[in-house]
Amino acid sequence: MEKLPILRILILVEIKSILRSKYLKHNILSNCYAVLIALFFIGDKNYTNEIFLIIWTCIIVAFPVIGISPFFFSKDGTIYQAFLIRNISCNLYVEAKIVFVIMYALVFYAILTPFILQCKGIVIFTYFAGALYYLTFSLIVMTYYSSFDKYKIDHKKSLFFNFSGFSFTKVILAVPIMTPLFFWESTRKYSVGLMILFGILGIMLFKFSINLI
């Protein structure tokens, strides 16, 4: 079987599982509410508190990281067992999860982009640098912490992911180390530069982390 049709099937199944889950629906709705609040301040032409705008920009680009874990980490053993019957490999199953996460984040960022482009230069740069940082490093965290124990896994029952340390790492991702630099005008450009640098490094490291699965 070709790879793309299988990926399409896996992604559609993932979307259906999200629509059936009350927790995931609430997670998405809470993200939407927070984004609307952020857009209220970002879209206000008379609002002059630049630091506040930058902080909100950092927060909204972090939402995909906060919201993606339910999409990726799921003990959907029945679904996975059905895929095994169709000779769909575990690696392809995980790839489909990753593709869905990327799609979710890109749509999220695309919707916000027109509003962000109305802001000042530093807010625009913060937004795109943050999007690069959060997307690449969240993928690394997912692939690294989703590496399962191949010796203990029972393919007939469920695909169990390793949650060890994931929540703590997600908090670090949501509040990047360079964020305090935004509070001083002279260091903001360094903070944006660090996020771009870490984002590029993340793209390079992602290939390594996906091999750990």
Protein backbone atom coordinates (compact mmCIF):
# COMPACT_ATOMS: atom_id res chain seq x y z
CA MET A 1 0.00 0.00 0.00
CA GLU A 2 1.14 3.52 -0.74
CA LYS A 3 2.17 5.69 2.16
CA LEU A 4 0.03 8.80 1.54
CA PRO A 5 -3.39 7.05 1.40
CA ILE A 6 -2.56 5.25 4.65
CA LEU A 7 -1.53 8.52 6.31
CA ARG A 8 -4.80 10.06 5.16
CA ILE A 9 -6.77 7.21 6.73
CA LEU A 10 -4.84 7.50 10.00
CA ILE A 11 -5.37 11.27 10.18
CA LEU A 12 -9.11 10.92 9.52
CA VAL A 13 -9.35 8.31 12.29
CA GLU A 14 -7.48 10.68 14.61
CA ILE A 15 -9.91 13.51 13.83
CA LYS A 16 -12.89 11.23 14.54
CA SER A 17 -11.38 10.17 17.88
CA ILE A 18 -10.96 13.86 18.84
CA LEU A 19 -14.57 14.65 17.95
CA ARG A 20 -15.73 11.78 20.20
CA SER A 21 -13.68 12.95 23.21
CA LYS A 22 -15.20 15.54 25.57
CA TYR A 23 -11.80 16.31 27.10
CA LEU A 24 -10.26 17.13 23.73
CA LYS A 25 -13.22 19.32 22.77
CA HIS A 26 -12.85 21.30 26.00
CA ASN A 27 -9.10 21.60 25.41
CA ILE A 28 -9.65 23.09 21.96
CA LEU A 29 -12.38 25.45 23.21
CA SER A 30 -10.20 26.76 26.06
CA ASN A 31 -7.44 27.49 23.54
CA CYS A 32 -9.91 29.38 21.34
CA TYR A 33 -11.15 31.51 24.25
CA ALA A 34 -7.60 32.45 25.23
CA VAL A 35 -6.74 33.35 21.64
CA LEU A 36 -9.81 35.61 21.39
CA ILE A 37 -8.68 37.47 24.52
CA ALA A 38 -5.19 37.84 23.06
CA LEU A 39 -6.55 39.12 19.74
CA PHE A 40 -8.61 41.71 21.61
CA PHE A 41 -5.41 43.31 22.91
CA ILE A 42 -3.27 42.68 19.83
CA GLY A 43 -5.93 44.09 17.48
CA ASP A 44 -6.48 47.25 19.54
CA LYS A 45 -4.67 50.03 17.67
CA ASN A 46 -4.84 52.31 20.73
CA TYR A 47 -3.17 49.80 23.03
CA THR A 48 0.43 50.95 23.55
CA ASN A 49 1.80 48.56 26.18
CA GLU A 50 4.37 46.80 24.01
CA ILE A 51 5.63 44.46 26.73
CA PHE A 52 2.10 43.22 27.35
CA LEU A 53 1.62 42.59 23.62
CA ILE A 54 4.89 40.64 23.47
CA ILE A 55 3.90 38.52 26.47
CA TRP A 56 0.52 37.73 24.89
CA THR A 57 2.29 36.87 21.64
CA CYS A 58 4.51 34.39 23.50
CA ILE A 59 1.45 32.89 25.17
CA ILE A 60 -0.61 32.37 22.03
CA VAL A 61 2.22 30.75 20.08
CA ALA A 62 2.63 28.36 23.02
CA PHE A 63 -0.99 27.15 22.91
CA PRO A 64 -0.36 24.44 20.29
CA VAL A 65 2.28 22.97 22.63
CA ILE A 66 -0.18 22.96 25.51
CA GLY A 67 -2.94 21.49 23.37
CA ILE A 68 -1.17 18.93 21.21
CA SER A 69 -0.40 16.27 23.81
CA PRO A 70 -3.95 14.80 23.80
CA PHE A 71 -3.74 14.43 20.02
CA PHE A 72 -0.53 12.45 20.17
CA PHE A 73 -0.54 10.52 23.43
CA SER A 74 -3.54 8.21 23.36
CA LYS A 75 -3.92 4.59 24.37
CA ASP A 76 -6.12 3.86 21.37
CA GLY A 77 -5.27 0.18 21.36
CA THR A 78 -8.39 -0.86 19.45
CA ILE A 79 -7.57 1.52 16.61
CA TYR A 80 -3.93 0.46 16.57
CA GLN A 81 -4.89 -3.22 16.55
CA ALA A 82 -7.11 -2.57 13.52
CA PHE A 83 -4.15 -0.98 11.76
CA LEU A 84 -1.95 -3.99 12.56
CA ILE A 85 -4.47 -6.29 10.89
CA ARG A 86 -4.09 -4.15 7.77
CA ASN A 87 -0.27 -4.48 7.98
CA ILE A 88 0.20 -0.81 8.88
CA SER A 89 3.47 -0.48 10.78
CA CYS A 90 3.90 1.20 14.16
CA ASN A 91 6.30 3.75 12.63
CA LEU A 92 3.69 4.83 10.09
CA TYR A 93 1.09 5.05 12.87
CA VAL A 94 3.35 7.44 14.82
CA GLU A 95 4.15 9.41 11.64
CA ALA A 96 0.44 10.01 11.12
CA LYS A 97 0.16 11.37 14.66
CA ILE A 98 3.07 13.75 14.00
CA VAL A 99 1.59 14.91 10.68
CA PHE A 100 -1.69 15.70 12.42
CA VAL A 101 0.12 17.74 15.09
CA ILE A 102 1.93 19.76 12.41
CA MET A 103 -1.35 20.37 10.57
CA TYR A 104 -3.03 21.53 13.78
CA ALA A 105 -0.22 23.97 14.62
CA LEU A 106 0.06 25.37 11.08
CA VAL A 107 -3.69 26.04 10.85
CA PHE A 108 -3.58 27.67 14.30
CA TYR A 109 -0.70 29.96 13.30
CA ALA A 110 -2.19 30.73 9.86
CA ILE A 111 -5.44 31.98 11.43
CA LEU A 112 -3.54 34.32 13.77
CA THR A 113 -1.06 35.66 11.18
CA PRO A 114 -3.34 38.40 9.66
CA PHE A 115 -3.89 39.88 13.13
CA ILE A 116 -0.21 39.73 14.07
CA LEU A 117 0.86 41.49 10.85
CA GLN A 118 -1.03 44.58 12.03
CA CYS A 119 1.30 44.94 15.02
CA LYS A 120 4.74 46.48 15.39
CA GLY A 121 7.91 44.83 14.09
CA ILE A 122 9.08 43.30 17.38
CA VAL A 123 5.69 41.64 17.96
CA ILE A 124 5.68 40.22 14.41
CA PHE A 125 9.22 38.85 14.79
CA THR A 126 8.35 37.43 18.21
CA TYR A 127 5.34 35.63 16.78
CA PHE A 128 7.12 33.93 13.87
CA ALA A 129 10.23 33.13 15.92
CA GLY A 130 8.04 31.68 18.66
CA ALA A 131 6.05 29.61 16.16
CA LEU A 132 9.29 28.10 14.82
CA TYR A 133 10.60 27.45 18.34
CA TYR A 134 7.44 25.87 19.76
CA LEU A 135 6.59 23.74 16.74
CA THR A 136 10.03 22.16 16.34
CA PHE A 137 10.73 21.59 20.03
CA SER A 138 7.26 20.25 20.77
CA LEU A 139 7.80 17.68 18.01
CA ILE A 140 11.13 16.72 19.58
CA VAL A 141 9.53 16.29 23.00
CA MET A 142 6.73 14.19 21.52
CA THR A 143 9.01 11.90 19.55
CA TYR A 144 11.52 11.54 22.39
CA TYR A 145 8.98 10.79 25.10
CA SER A 146 6.79 8.62 22.89
CA SER A 147 9.57 6.06 22.50
CA PHE A 148 7.98 2.92 23.90
CA ASP A 149 9.58 -0.15 25.42
CA LYS A 150 9.71 -2.53 22.46
CA TYR A 151 10.44 -5.49 24.76
CA LYS A 152 7.38 -5.05 26.99
CA ILE A 153 4.81 -3.85 24.45
CA ASP A 154 1.95 -6.20 23.65
CA HIS A 155 0.77 -5.38 20.14
CA LYS A 156 -2.43 -7.36 20.69
CA LYS A 157 -3.66 -5.03 23.43
CA SER A 158 -2.49 -1.42 23.22
CA LEU A 159 0.31 0.90 22.24
CA PHE A 160 1.56 2.35 25.53
CA PHE A 161 3.58 5.54 25.35
CA ASN A 162 6.16 6.60 27.90
CA PHE A 163 4.85 9.65 29.79
CA SER A 164 7.91 9.95 32.06
CA GLY A 165 8.98 13.56 32.38
CA PHE A 166 6.71 14.81 29.61
CA SER A 167 4.61 17.23 31.70
CA PHE A 168 7.69 18.91 33.20
CA THR A 169 9.30 19.30 29.78
CA LYS A 170 6.09 20.74 28.36
CA VAL A 171 6.09 23.45 31.05
CA ILE A 172 9.67 24.39 30.14
CA LEU A 173 8.64 24.62 26.48
CA ALA A 174 5.64 26.79 27.28
CA VAL A 175 7.81 29.26 29.22
CA PRO A 176 11.05 29.51 27.22
CA ILE A 177 14.24 30.54 28.99
CA MET A 178 14.63 33.60 26.78
CA THR A 179 11.23 35.13 27.72
CA PRO A 180 12.62 37.44 30.50
CA LEU A 181 14.78 39.14 27.86
CA PHE A 182 11.62 40.63 26.35
CA PHE A 183 11.19 42.89 29.39
CA TRP A 184 14.14 45.06 28.36
CA GLU A 185 14.05 46.86 25.04
CA SER A 186 17.81 46.50 24.50
CA THR A 187 17.69 42.69 24.77
CA ARG A 188 14.47 41.89 22.88
CA LYS A 189 16.26 41.32 19.60
CA TYR A 190 18.50 38.74 21.32
CA SER A 191 15.45 36.91 22.63
CA VAL A 192 13.92 36.72 19.15
CA GLY A 193 17.28 35.59 17.78
CA LEU A 194 17.53 32.82 20.39
CA MET A 195 14.08 31.50 19.52
CA ILE A 196 15.00 31.42 15.82
CA LEU A 197 18.29 29.68 16.65
CA PHE A 198 16.61 27.09 18.89
CA GLY A 199 13.92 26.57 16.26
CA ILE A 200 16.51 25.84 13.56
CA LEU A 201 18.37 23.51 15.94
CA GLY A 202 15.04 21.85 16.68
CA ILE A 203 14.52 21.08 13.00
CA MET A 204 17.97 19.49 12.89
CA LEU A 205 17.41 17.48 16.09
CA PHE A 206 13.94 16.30 15.07
CA LYS A 207 15.42 13.78 12.63
CA PHE A 208 17.44 12.32 15.51
CA SER A 209 14.55 12.23 17.98
CA ILE A 210 12.15 10.50 15.59
CA ASN A 211 14.67 7.67 15.25
CA LEU A 212 14.31 7.01 19.00
CA ILE A 213 10.77 5.75 18.51
